[in-house]
Amino acid sequence: MFASAEQASQYDVIIIGAGFAGLYGVHQAARAGLNVLGLEAGEDVGGTWFWNRYPGARCDVESVDYSYSFDEELQQSWTWTERFAAQPEILAYINHVADRFELRPRYRFGQSVTAAHFDDETSLWTVHSASGDEFRSRFVVFATGCLSAPIKPNIPGVETFAGEELFTARWPEEGASLAGKRVGVIGTGSSGIQVSPIIARQAEALTVFQRSANFSVPVPNRPWTVQEQEQIRATYPQRRAKSYYAPAATPHPSLQTKALELSAQEREEAMEDRWNGGGVLFNKVFPDQNSDMAANDLVRDFAVAKIRAKIYDPAVADDLIATDHPIGTKRICTDSGYYEMFNRPNVTLVNLRREPIEEITPTGIRTADKFIEIDTLVYATGFDAMTGALLRIDIQGARDSHLRDTWADGPVTYLGFGIHGFPNMFSINSVGTPSVMANMVLHSEQQLDWVIDLIEHCRAQGIRQVEAREEAAAKWTDHLMEVAEGTLFVKANSWYMGANIEGKKRVFMPYIGGFGNYRRFCDEERDNGYPSFELTT
């Protein structure tokens, strides 16, 4: 180990976060014989699925794919009950993994990291927490999540509201009683779309405040049959093999034929099949739907017709249909009765582009047209995505580098892992990786395997510092944007671009060239001896 017996408080590696990525990283580091410490702001494991407990929270990747692949006995012994798992079942799975591999003893919970400072002389990181604790290590790995820094909208009077406030990203563990209440939901991204139908069935009245309409596909959820579960277990090796180098790290590819090369009937059948398949599958019906506007229009028209068929009032349907971006360039949501909810007499939609909020008062919300009394206000207002969790921490690297300054004109990384000026520091599922564009569990395994391999390489070679080269990071970031510019994604003001945060530099942050291609870049870097990193003994 790097740390000696005399330096009991010094670790080889500190991993921040206890979600899918953090837990796997701690497991792999321990298995490699590293002295590892996990730090987690929450009181237990779970990451995203610990914090996002709102009713209706559900993953849009099939449960049998949104799970670890590293341990065959784990795959064979765990039984997923539903096709698309809900938050309680995913959290139960994560807890099971933590118990099975005895990961909790390696963690300090309730440790919200506020700063991480690198010492040039000793090549060590000191990590500071809000509780005043300090921890030192040779390496630090930020598995802090790409959607983990929630935001509260800056609306006049927001602090004056005297009723109950709830955040989908920080829903109380004990739940919330909304029966008979007048509820307002601000935000119509994934969480707003998932939670609203459940609130509508409980509340006396629900008002949904929508700034930007999003496309959503119904989730055809159902229990797995015993026969299906047996088949999945029997074919897991083949299922994973299809996913390991697939564009989205799942076994469901797009069609191989471009949209306009098919007949009208073939296109209709393909779209119907993927619409009924649910989840994220509708975003990849055709190989060119995210790069060719004509193909995208075909998919959009199909979705619009499906949405209109669900809503009684054509004017409400008009407001609910997105017109400001090609379909799929903002993440397609999944829902259980979202559009049908607006047929209920107790549900009202407020289009904030036509009728903006002027102020929040102690008793409700005043728009440009009216005042709406509210007992409970639910903020489903999203996150400072991709970079927010890191930039909320005071990260100081080598040569007096500060991450906030380094990224002031936009984030620059090499393969997402490495940031020039910040030796021995790695960021997982971050800017410059496929991240949210792929199955996050397999992505996390790939990322942490790569990082732990590099740390082991450093240990074997007596390397004290490993730092991404400046030119390599610049070249990778240019490639990132070049690939994005070849798609329709740059046409949308999405959180992929940082557009939901005022003042944030607009750059496309995930790598959209596909998980398989990204993985090949990583393999090449490792197999060639890490030429894009400066290795210092």
Protein backbone atom coordinates (compact mmCIF):
# COMPACT_ATOMS: atom_id res chain seq x y z
CA MET A 1 0.00 0.00 0.00
CA PHE A 2 0.99 3.64 -0.45
CA ALA A 3 0.02 4.47 3.15
CA SER A 4 2.27 3.17 5.93
CA ALA A 5 1.28 1.82 9.35
CA GLU A 6 2.56 5.06 10.92
CA GLN A 7 0.14 7.08 8.78
CA ALA A 8 -3.12 5.45 9.84
CA SER A 9 -5.13 8.54 8.86
CA GLN A 10 -3.64 8.60 5.36
CA TYR A 11 -5.39 6.53 2.70
CA ASP A 12 -4.32 5.33 -0.68
CA VAL A 13 -7.59 6.55 -2.17
CA ILE A 14 -10.67 8.41 -1.00
CA ILE A 15 -13.84 7.87 -2.98
CA ILE A 16 -16.57 10.46 -2.54
CA GLY A 17 -20.10 9.15 -3.06
CA ALA A 18 -22.03 6.00 -2.18
CA GLY A 19 -24.17 5.51 -5.24
CA PHE A 20 -23.62 2.83 -7.88
CA ALA A 21 -20.25 4.30 -8.88
CA GLY A 22 -18.90 5.04 -5.42
CA LEU A 23 -19.81 1.65 -3.99
CA TYR A 24 -18.25 -0.19 -6.90
CA GLY A 25 -15.12 1.93 -6.65
CA VAL A 26 -14.72 1.16 -2.95
CA HIS A 27 -15.24 -2.54 -3.64
CA GLN A 28 -12.68 -2.64 -6.45
CA ALA A 29 -10.13 -0.56 -4.55
CA ALA A 30 -10.39 -2.85 -1.52
CA ARG A 31 -10.12 -5.93 -3.72
CA ALA A 32 -6.94 -4.47 -5.20
CA GLY A 33 -5.46 -4.19 -1.73
CA LEU A 34 -5.71 -0.41 -1.52
CA ASN A 35 -6.40 1.37 1.75
CA VAL A 36 -9.66 3.00 0.72
CA LEU A 37 -12.10 5.33 2.47
CA GLY A 38 -15.56 6.21 1.21
CA LEU A 39 -17.19 9.52 2.13
CA GLU A 40 -20.91 10.16 1.70
CA ALA A 41 -23.05 13.18 2.52
CA GLY A 42 -26.13 11.04 3.14
CA GLU A 43 -26.73 8.84 6.14
CA ASP A 44 -26.58 5.65 4.09
CA VAL A 45 -25.78 4.21 0.68
CA GLY A 46 -27.83 4.83 -2.45
CA GLY A 47 -26.65 8.05 -4.07
CA THR A 48 -29.34 9.31 -6.43
CA TRP A 49 -31.72 6.65 -5.18
CA PHE A 50 -31.16 7.62 -1.54
CA TRP A 51 -32.10 11.25 -2.14
CA ASN A 52 -34.76 10.99 -4.86
CA ARG A 53 -37.53 9.28 -2.91
CA TYR A 54 -40.45 11.12 -4.47
CA PRO A 55 -43.54 9.06 -5.33
CA GLY A 56 -43.25 7.64 -8.83
CA ALA A 57 -39.45 7.75 -9.05
CA ARG A 58 -38.49 5.02 -11.49
CA CYS A 59 -35.57 4.18 -13.79
CA ASP A 60 -36.07 4.34 -17.57
CA VAL A 61 -33.56 1.52 -18.21
CA GLU A 62 -34.77 -2.04 -17.69
CA SER A 63 -34.00 -3.28 -14.21
CA VAL A 64 -32.05 -6.33 -15.37
CA ASP A 65 -29.66 -4.03 -17.25
CA TYR A 66 -29.56 -1.26 -14.64
CA SER A 67 -27.61 -3.50 -12.28
CA TYR A 68 -24.07 -4.62 -11.59
CA SER A 69 -22.44 -7.13 -13.91
CA PHE A 70 -19.17 -7.73 -12.00
CA ASP A 71 -20.37 -10.64 -9.86
CA GLU A 72 -22.17 -13.58 -11.44
CA GLU A 73 -23.54 -14.87 -8.13
CA LEU A 74 -25.07 -11.46 -7.48
CA GLN A 75 -26.73 -11.49 -10.90
CA GLN A 76 -28.09 -14.96 -10.38
CA SER A 77 -29.31 -14.47 -6.82
CA TRP A 78 -31.07 -11.11 -7.05
CA THR A 79 -34.64 -11.09 -8.39
CA TRP A 80 -35.99 -7.93 -10.00
CA THR A 81 -39.75 -7.88 -9.63
CA GLU A 82 -40.56 -5.28 -12.30
CA ARG A 83 -39.39 -4.51 -15.81
CA PHE A 84 -38.64 -0.89 -14.87
CA ALA A 85 -37.69 -0.77 -11.21
CA ALA A 86 -39.01 1.92 -8.88
CA GLN A 87 -36.86 3.79 -6.36
CA PRO A 88 -37.62 1.52 -3.36
CA GLU A 89 -36.53 -1.61 -5.19
CA ILE A 90 -33.38 0.01 -6.61
CA LEU A 91 -32.44 1.29 -3.14
CA ALA A 92 -33.09 -2.19 -1.69
CA TYR A 93 -30.74 -3.63 -4.32
CA ILE A 94 -28.00 -1.11 -3.50
CA ASN A 95 -28.38 -1.89 0.21
CA HIS A 96 -28.14 -5.59 -0.57
CA VAL A 97 -24.90 -5.03 -2.49
CA ALA A 98 -23.45 -2.93 0.35
CA ASP A 99 -24.27 -5.71 2.83
CA ARG A 100 -23.19 -8.60 0.61
CA PHE A 101 -19.74 -7.12 -0.01
CA GLU A 102 -19.37 -5.52 3.43
CA LEU A 103 -18.89 -2.01 2.06
CA ARG A 104 -20.47 0.10 4.81
CA PRO A 105 -17.55 -0.32 7.26
CA ARG A 106 -15.32 1.37 4.67
CA TYR A 107 -17.53 4.50 4.64
CA ARG A 108 -17.99 7.57 6.78
CA PHE A 109 -21.60 8.70 6.34
CA GLY A 110 -22.97 12.18 7.00
CA GLN A 111 -19.75 13.64 5.60
CA SER A 112 -20.60 16.44 3.18
CA VAL A 113 -17.35 17.27 1.39
CA THR A 114 -16.72 21.01 1.21
CA ALA A 115 -13.12 21.16 -0.01
CA ALA A 116 -10.29 19.09 -1.43
CA HIS A 117 -6.78 20.55 -1.57
CA PHE A 118 -3.68 19.07 -3.21
CA ASP A 119 -0.23 19.52 -1.68
CA ASP A 120 2.47 19.83 -4.35
CA GLU A 121 5.26 18.84 -1.97
CA THR A 122 3.76 15.66 -0.57
CA SER A 123 1.54 14.77 -3.57
CA LEU A 124 -1.34 14.18 -1.15
CA TRP A 125 -4.93 15.36 -1.13
CA THR A 126 -6.62 16.69 2.01
CA VAL A 127 -10.37 16.37 1.93
CA HIS A 128 -12.44 18.58 4.25
CA SER A 129 -16.02 17.94 5.35
CA ALA A 130 -18.72 20.25 6.69
CA SER A 131 -18.38 18.59 10.08
CA GLY A 132 -14.79 19.83 10.35
CA ASP A 133 -13.13 16.48 9.69
CA GLU A 134 -10.06 16.13 7.48
CA PHE A 135 -8.92 13.07 5.53
CA ARG A 136 -5.71 12.58 3.54
CA SER A 137 -5.00 10.33 0.61
CA ARG A 138 -2.71 9.88 -2.38
CA PHE A 139 -5.65 9.73 -4.79
CA VAL A 140 -9.15 11.16 -4.67
CA VAL A 141 -12.06 9.96 -6.81
CA PHE A 142 -15.21 12.05 -7.15
CA ALA A 143 -18.19 9.76 -7.72
CA THR A 144 -20.52 12.58 -6.76
CA GLY A 145 -23.08 12.04 -9.51
CA CYS A 146 -23.99 14.07 -12.57
CA LEU A 147 -27.52 14.87 -11.33
CA SER A 148 -26.91 15.47 -7.64
CA ALA A 149 -26.75 19.26 -7.20
CA PRO A 150 -30.42 20.34 -6.95
CA ILE A 151 -31.45 23.89 -7.73
CA LYS A 152 -34.17 26.13 -6.35
CA PRO A 153 -35.54 28.66 -8.82
CA ASN A 154 -34.74 32.30 -8.29
CA ILE A 155 -38.33 33.59 -8.25
CA PRO A 156 -39.28 36.81 -6.47
CA GLY A 157 -40.73 35.99 -3.06
CA VAL A 158 -39.55 32.38 -3.10
CA GLU A 159 -38.38 32.63 0.51
CA THR A 160 -41.68 34.06 1.74
CA PHE A 161 -43.87 31.02 1.10
CA ALA A 162 -45.44 29.96 4.40
CA GLY A 163 -46.84 26.61 3.31
CA GLU A 164 -45.13 23.25 2.94
CA GLU A 165 -42.16 23.09 0.55
CA LEU A 166 -41.00 19.82 -0.99
CA PHE A 167 -38.16 19.06 -3.38
CA THR A 168 -38.33 15.96 -5.56
CA ALA A 169 -34.53 15.72 -5.20
CA ARG A 170 -34.76 15.75 -1.39
CA TRP A 171 -38.13 14.14 -0.69
CA PRO A 172 -38.63 13.32 3.01
CA GLU A 173 -37.99 9.70 3.90
CA GLU A 174 -41.24 9.56 5.87
CA GLY A 175 -43.16 10.74 2.82
CA ALA A 176 -45.61 13.61 2.55
CA SER A 177 -49.38 13.71 3.07
CA LEU A 178 -50.98 15.66 0.23
CA ALA A 179 -54.55 14.46 0.57
CA GLY A 180 -57.04 17.28 0.36
CA LYS A 181 -54.38 19.91 -0.28
CA ARG A 182 -53.92 22.48 -3.00
CA VAL A 183 -50.59 21.55 -4.54
CA GLY A 184 -48.39 23.37 -7.01
CA VAL A 185 -45.63 21.58 -8.95
CA ILE A 186 -42.96 23.75 -10.56
CA GLY A 187 -41.05 21.87 -13.23
CA THR A 188 -41.93 19.33 -15.91
CA GLY A 189 -38.73 17.37 -16.39
CA SER A 190 -38.44 13.71 -15.47
CA SER A 191 -39.24 14.09 -11.77
CA GLY A 192 -42.15 16.50 -12.32
CA ILE A 193 -43.63 14.22 -14.96
CA GLN A 194 -43.30 11.16 -12.73
CA VAL A 195 -44.58 12.65 -9.48
CA SER A 196 -47.50 14.73 -10.79
CA PRO A 197 -49.96 11.92 -11.67
CA ILE A 198 -49.60 10.48 -8.17
CA ILE A 199 -50.14 13.87 -6.55
CA ALA A 200 -53.19 14.42 -8.76
CA ARG A 201 -54.85 11.32 -7.33
CA GLN A 202 -54.33 12.58 -3.77
CA ALA A 203 -54.67 16.34 -3.85
CA GLU A 204 -57.79 18.46 -3.81
CA ALA A 205 -56.25 20.49 -6.62
CA LEU A 206 -53.00 20.29 -8.56
CA THR A 207 -51.53 23.13 -10.59
CA VAL A 208 -48.59 22.25 -12.83
CA PHE A 209 -46.35 25.20 -13.72
CA GLN A 210 -44.60 24.44 -17.01
CA ARG A 211 -41.84 26.58 -18.47
CA SER A 212 -40.72 24.11 -21.13
CA ALA A 213 -42.77 21.24 -22.49
CA ASN A 214 -40.99 17.89 -22.72
CA PHE A 215 -41.71 14.74 -24.65
CA SER A 216 -42.62 11.73 -22.56
CA VAL A 217 -43.22 8.09 -23.44
CA PRO A 218 -45.49 5.85 -21.36
CA VAL A 219 -43.58 3.28 -19.35
CA PRO A 220 -45.11 -0.16 -20.06
CA ASN A 221 -44.18 -1.48 -16.66
CA ARG A 222 -45.23 -4.90 -15.43
CA PRO A 223 -43.88 -7.68 -13.22
CA TRP A 224 -41.37 -10.06 -14.74
CA THR A 225 -42.83 -13.53 -15.09
CA VAL A 226 -41.05 -16.50 -13.56
CA GLN A 227 -40.26 -17.75 -17.06
CA GLU A 228 -38.77 -14.38 -18.06
CA GLN A 229 -36.63 -14.28 -14.94
CA GLU A 230 -35.29 -17.75 -15.66
CA GLN A 231 -34.54 -16.78 -19.26
CA ILE A 232 -32.76 -13.58 -18.20
CA ARG A 233 -30.56 -15.46 -15.73
CA ALA A 234 -29.72 -18.08 -18.32
CA THR A 235 -28.74 -15.51 -20.95
CA TYR A 236 -27.09 -12.86 -18.76
CA PRO A 237 -23.61 -13.47 -20.27
CA GLN A 238 -24.93 -12.83 -23.80
CA ARG A 239 -27.02 -9.86 -22.64
CA ARG A 240 -24.02 -8.23 -20.99
CA ALA A 241 -21.76 -9.01 -23.94
CA LYS A 242 -24.14 -7.07 -26.21
CA SER A 243 -24.06 -4.15 -23.80
CA TYR A 244 -20.34 -3.80 -23.01
CA TYR A 245 -19.50 -1.97 -26.24
CA ALA A 246 -22.99 -0.91 -27.30
CA PRO A 247 -23.74 2.81 -27.90
CA ALA A 248 -25.90 3.12 -24.76
CA ALA A 249 -24.50 0.16 -22.78
CA THR A 250 -27.76 -1.76 -23.18
CA PRO A 251 -28.62 -4.72 -25.43
CA HIS A 252 -31.15 -2.73 -27.48
CA PRO A 253 -29.61 -1.21 -30.62
CA SER A 254 -31.30 1.09 -33.11
CA LEU A 255 -32.44 -0.27 -36.44
CA GLN A 256 -29.60 -0.49 -38.94
CA THR A 257 -31.56 1.19 -41.74
CA LYS A 258 -32.01 4.95 -41.90
CA ALA A 259 -35.54 6.27 -41.50
CA LEU A 260 -36.06 7.55 -45.03
CA GLU A 261 -34.72 4.34 -46.55
CA LEU A 262 -37.68 2.44 -45.09
CA SER A 263 -41.22 2.39 -46.41
CA ALA A 264 -43.87 4.39 -44.57
CA GLN A 265 -45.33 1.17 -43.18
CA GLU A 266 -41.94 -0.09 -42.00
CA ARG A 267 -41.28 3.22 -40.24
CA GLU A 268 -44.68 3.17 -38.58
CA GLU A 269 -44.20 -0.38 -37.35
CA ALA A 270 -40.73 0.40 -36.00
CA MET A 271 -41.93 3.49 -34.12
CA GLU A 272 -44.94 1.67 -32.74
CA ASP A 273 -42.71 -1.13 -31.49
CA ARG A 274 -40.32 1.23 -29.71
CA TRP A 275 -43.14 3.39 -28.32
CA ASN A 276 -44.71 0.28 -26.82
CA GLY A 277 -41.28 -0.86 -25.60
CA GLY A 278 -41.06 2.23 -23.41
CA GLY A 279 -38.18 3.61 -21.47
CA VAL A 280 -35.37 5.20 -23.45
CA LEU A 281 -35.93 2.94 -26.45
CA PHE A 282 -38.00 5.50 -28.35
CA ASN A 283 -34.97 7.77 -28.53
CA LYS A 284 -33.18 5.29 -30.76
CA VAL A 285 -35.70 3.94 -33.25
CA PHE A 286 -33.62 4.92 -36.28
CA PRO A 287 -29.84 5.34 -36.47
CA ASP A 288 -30.19 8.86 -37.89
CA GLN A 289 -33.06 10.32 -35.85
CA ASN A 290 -30.70 12.37 -33.68
CA SER A 291 -28.60 13.63 -36.58
CA ASP A 292 -31.01 14.13 -39.50
CA MET A 293 -33.87 16.61 -39.11
CA ALA A 294 -36.10 14.81 -41.61
CA ALA A 295 -35.79 11.56 -39.67
CA ASN A 296 -36.33 13.40 -36.39
CA ASP A 297 -39.48 15.05 -37.75
CA LEU A 298 -40.95 11.63 -38.54
CA VAL A 299 -40.38 10.47 -34.97
CA ARG A 300 -41.67 13.74 -33.55
CA ASP A 301 -44.87 13.62 -35.63
CA PHE A 302 -45.53 10.07 -34.43
CA ALA A 303 -45.09 11.10 -30.79
CA VAL A 304 -47.25 14.21 -31.19
CA ALA A 305 -50.10 12.14 -32.58
CA LYS A 306 -49.82 9.73 -29.65
CA ILE A 307 -49.86 12.61 -27.15
CA ARG A 308 -52.83 14.38 -28.73
CA ALA A 309 -54.84 11.15 -28.62
CA LYS A 310 -54.50 11.14 -24.81
CA ILE A 311 -55.71 14.69 -24.07
CA TYR A 312 -59.33 15.81 -24.34
CA ASP A 313 -58.70 19.56 -24.66
CA PRO A 314 -56.79 20.47 -27.87
CA ALA A 315 -55.59 23.75 -26.31
CA VAL A 316 -54.06 21.89 -23.37
CA ALA A 317 -52.48 19.46 -25.81
CA ASP A 318 -50.95 22.39 -27.68
CA ASP A 319 -49.31 23.60 -24.48
CA LEU A 320 -48.01 20.14 -23.57
CA ILE A 321 -46.29 19.48 -26.89
CA ALA A 322 -42.71 20.70 -27.13
CA THR A 323 -41.99 22.95 -30.10
CA ASP A 324 -38.61 24.38 -29.10
CA HIS A 325 -36.35 21.36 -29.71
CA PRO A 326 -36.05 18.27 -31.91
CA ILE A 327 -37.45 15.25 -30.11
CA GLY A 328 -34.84 13.45 -28.04
CA THR A 329 -32.39 16.36 -27.83
CA LYS A 330 -33.73 16.92 -24.34
CA ARG A 331 -33.93 13.62 -22.48
CA ILE A 332 -37.20 11.90 -23.32
CA CYS A 333 -39.09 11.31 -20.09
CA THR A 334 -41.09 8.25 -19.11
CA ASP A 335 -44.44 8.46 -17.38
CA SER A 336 -47.42 6.62 -15.99
CA GLY A 337 -50.47 8.59 -17.04
CA TYR A 338 -48.92 12.07 -17.23
CA TYR A 339 -50.82 13.36 -20.26
CA GLU A 340 -54.07 11.69 -19.22
CA MET A 341 -53.76 13.43 -15.85
CA PHE A 342 -54.69 16.73 -17.50
CA ASN A 343 -58.15 15.33 -18.26
CA ARG A 344 -58.90 15.33 -14.53
CA PRO A 345 -61.11 18.16 -13.23
CA ASN A 346 -58.71 18.88 -10.33
CA VAL A 347 -55.62 19.43 -12.53
CA THR A 348 -54.67 22.72 -14.19
CA LEU A 349 -51.72 23.52 -16.45
CA VAL A 350 -50.09 26.95 -16.38
CA ASN A 351 -47.93 27.72 -19.40
CA LEU A 352 -45.24 29.98 -17.98
CA ARG A 353 -44.10 31.14 -21.41
CA ARG A 354 -47.50 32.74 -21.89
CA GLU A 355 -48.29 33.42 -18.23
CA PRO A 356 -45.05 33.83 -16.26
CA ILE A 357 -44.80 33.73 -12.47
CA GLU A 358 -44.52 37.25 -11.09
CA GLU A 359 -44.00 36.30 -7.47
CA ILE A 360 -44.42 33.65 -4.81
CA THR A 361 -46.33 34.91 -1.77
CA PRO A 362 -46.87 33.35 1.68
CA THR A 363 -50.08 31.74 0.45
CA GLY A 364 -49.54 30.97 -3.21
CA ILE A 365 -48.26 32.01 -6.63
CA ARG A 366 -49.14 35.14 -8.57
CA THR A 367 -48.81 34.84 -12.34
CA ALA A 368 -49.24 37.54 -14.96
CA ASP A 369 -52.95 36.61 -15.15
CA LYS A 370 -54.09 35.39 -11.73
CA PHE A 371 -53.35 34.37 -8.15
CA ILE A 372 -53.36 30.67 -7.27
CA GLU A 373 -53.69 29.61 -3.63
CA ILE A 374 -51.33 26.81 -2.69
CA ASP A 375 -50.87 24.76 0.47
CA THR A 376 -47.88 22.68 -0.69
CA LEU A 377 -45.28 23.73 -3.25
CA VAL A 378 -43.26 20.99 -4.95
CA TYR A 379 -40.03 21.97 -6.67
CA ALA A 380 -39.17 19.60 -9.51
CA THR A 381 -36.68 22.10 -10.85
CA GLY A 382 -33.77 19.87 -11.73
CA PHE A 383 -30.04 20.04 -11.14
CA ASP A 384 -26.89 21.90 -11.98
CA ALA A 385 -26.00 18.91 -14.12
CA MET A 386 -22.64 17.31 -14.81
CA THR A 387 -20.45 20.00 -13.21
CA GLY A 388 -22.58 21.28 -10.31
CA ALA A 389 -21.58 18.75 -7.67
CA LEU A 390 -17.87 19.31 -8.32
CA LEU A 391 -17.99 23.09 -8.55
CA ARG A 392 -19.85 23.36 -5.25
CA ILE A 393 -16.70 21.93 -3.64
CA ASP A 394 -13.60 24.07 -3.19
CA ILE A 395 -11.17 21.98 -5.23
CA GLN A 396 -7.60 23.27 -5.33
CA GLY A 397 -5.06 21.38 -7.38
CA ALA A 398 -1.38 21.68 -8.18
CA ARG A 399 0.36 25.00 -8.77
CA ASP A 400 -2.48 26.92 -7.10
CA SER A 401 -5.07 25.70 -9.63
CA HIS A 402 -8.71 26.18 -8.65
CA LEU A 403 -11.31 24.11 -10.46
CA ARG A 404 -13.83 26.96 -10.55
CA ASP A 405 -11.26 29.10 -12.38
CA THR A 406 -10.02 26.26 -14.59
CA TRP A 407 -13.56 25.62 -15.79
CA ALA A 408 -14.72 29.24 -15.92
CA ASP A 409 -14.90 29.11 -19.74
CA GLY A 410 -16.34 25.60 -19.77
CA PRO A 411 -15.16 22.21 -18.51
CA VAL A 412 -12.08 20.63 -20.08
CA THR A 413 -11.16 17.02 -19.31
CA TYR A 414 -9.31 14.11 -20.79
CA LEU A 415 -11.72 11.20 -21.21
CA GLY A 416 -13.71 12.76 -18.36
CA PHE A 417 -11.34 11.20 -15.81
CA GLY A 418 -8.45 13.59 -15.83
CA ILE A 419 -8.29 17.36 -15.41
CA HIS A 420 -5.03 19.14 -16.14
CA GLY A 421 -3.77 20.87 -13.02
CA PHE A 422 -5.36 18.34 -10.68
CA PRO A 423 -3.00 15.37 -10.24
CA ASN A 424 -4.16 12.13 -8.64
CA MET A 425 -7.78 13.24 -8.97
CA PHE A 426 -10.39 11.46 -11.04
CA SER A 427 -13.99 12.35 -11.81
CA ILE A 428 -16.47 9.57 -12.59
CA ASN A 429 -19.41 9.80 -15.04
CA SER A 430 -18.46 13.41 -15.55
CA VAL A 431 -18.14 15.86 -18.40
CA GLY A 432 -16.43 14.20 -21.34
CA THR A 433 -17.89 10.74 -20.72
CA PRO A 434 -21.08 9.17 -22.10
CA SER A 435 -22.51 9.59 -18.61
CA VAL A 436 -26.29 10.15 -18.81
CA MET A 437 -26.33 9.05 -22.45
CA ALA A 438 -25.65 5.45 -21.39
CA ASN A 439 -26.57 2.85 -18.79
CA MET A 440 -24.99 4.42 -15.73
CA VAL A 441 -24.30 1.16 -13.89
CA LEU A 442 -22.20 -0.48 -16.60
CA HIS A 443 -20.66 2.92 -17.29
CA SER A 444 -19.65 3.19 -13.63
CA GLU A 445 -18.07 -0.26 -13.68
CA GLN A 446 -16.04 0.63 -16.77
CA GLN A 447 -14.94 3.98 -15.31
CA LEU A 448 -13.86 2.62 -11.93
CA ASP A 449 -12.12 -0.41 -13.39
CA TRP A 450 -10.06 1.97 -15.53
CA VAL A 451 -9.20 4.29 -12.64
CA ILE A 452 -8.27 1.47 -10.25
CA ASP A 453 -6.10 -0.08 -12.98
CA LEU A 454 -4.26 3.24 -13.33
CA ILE A 455 -3.79 3.56 -9.57
CA GLU A 456 -2.41 0.02 -9.44
CA HIS A 457 -0.07 0.89 -12.31
CA CYS A 458 1.17 3.88 -10.31
CA ARG A 459 1.71 1.71 -7.25
CA ALA A 460 3.67 -0.87 -9.23
CA GLN A 461 5.85 1.74 -10.93
CA GLY A 462 6.44 3.96 -7.89
CA ILE A 463 4.59 6.88 -9.50
CA ARG A 464 3.60 9.63 -7.05
CA GLN A 465 1.65 11.87 -9.41
CA VAL A 466 -0.52 11.22 -12.46
CA GLU A 467 -1.95 14.21 -14.29
CA ALA A 468 -3.76 14.60 -17.60
CA ARG A 469 -1.65 16.49 -20.13
CA GLU A 470 -3.04 19.89 -21.07
CA GLU A 471 -2.91 19.27 -24.81
CA ALA A 472 -4.63 15.88 -24.45
CA ALA A 473 -7.48 17.41 -22.45
CA ALA A 474 -7.91 20.21 -24.99
CA LYS A 475 -7.90 17.74 -27.87
CA TRP A 476 -10.46 15.47 -26.19
CA THR A 477 -12.74 18.40 -25.40
CA ASP A 478 -12.52 19.58 -29.03
CA HIS A 479 -13.43 16.06 -30.15
CA LEU A 480 -16.35 16.08 -27.71
CA MET A 481 -17.77 19.21 -29.33
CA GLU A 482 -17.01 18.04 -32.85
CA VAL A 483 -19.07 14.89 -32.30
CA ALA A 484 -21.89 16.88 -30.69
CA GLU A 485 -21.96 19.37 -33.57
CA GLY A 486 -22.71 16.49 -35.90
CA THR A 487 -26.00 15.86 -34.08
CA LEU A 488 -29.23 17.73 -33.38
CA PHE A 489 -28.49 17.86 -29.64
CA VAL A 490 -26.78 21.23 -29.88
CA LYS A 491 -30.04 22.75 -31.14
CA ALA A 492 -31.75 22.33 -27.75
CA ASN A 493 -31.40 24.54 -24.69
CA SER A 494 -31.00 21.51 -22.47
CA TRP A 495 -29.24 20.72 -19.24
CA TYR A 496 -26.84 18.72 -21.42
CA MET A 497 -25.71 22.18 -22.52
CA GLY A 498 -25.97 23.78 -19.08
CA ALA A 499 -28.83 25.93 -20.37
CA ASN A 500 -30.91 25.57 -17.19
CA ILE A 501 -28.33 27.46 -15.12
CA GLU A 502 -28.09 31.22 -15.54
CA GLY A 503 -24.57 32.31 -16.43
CA LYS A 504 -23.28 28.79 -17.08
CA LYS A 505 -21.09 28.39 -20.15
CA ARG A 506 -23.10 26.70 -22.92
CA VAL A 507 -21.20 23.63 -24.05
CA PHE A 508 -22.43 20.13 -24.74
CA MET A 509 -21.07 18.18 -21.78
CA PRO A 510 -21.59 14.41 -22.30
CA TYR A 511 -19.67 12.41 -24.91
CA ILE A 512 -22.29 11.49 -27.49
CA GLY A 513 -20.14 9.28 -29.69
CA GLY A 514 -21.41 6.16 -27.95
CA PHE A 515 -20.34 4.12 -24.96
CA GLY A 516 -18.61 1.52 -27.12
CA ASN A 517 -16.48 4.08 -28.95
CA TYR A 518 -15.66 5.83 -25.69
CA ARG A 519 -14.63 2.55 -24.11
CA ARG A 520 -12.29 1.85 -27.03
CA PHE A 521 -10.58 5.22 -26.48
CA CYS A 522 -10.08 4.29 -22.82
CA ASP A 523 -8.79 0.82 -23.72
CA GLU A 524 -6.29 2.32 -26.15
CA GLU A 525 -5.01 4.82 -23.58
CA ARG A 526 -4.49 2.07 -21.00
CA ASP A 527 -2.96 -0.44 -23.40
CA ASN A 528 -0.45 2.15 -24.65
CA GLY A 529 0.79 2.93 -21.14
CA TYR A 530 -1.19 6.14 -20.47
CA PRO A 531 0.63 8.44 -22.92
CA SER A 532 -1.85 11.29 -22.37
CA PHE A 533 -0.96 11.48 -18.68
CA GLU A 534 2.18 12.88 -17.14
CA LEU A 535 3.50 10.26 -14.71
CA THR A 536 5.89 11.56 -12.06
CA THR A 537 7.93 9.35 -9.74
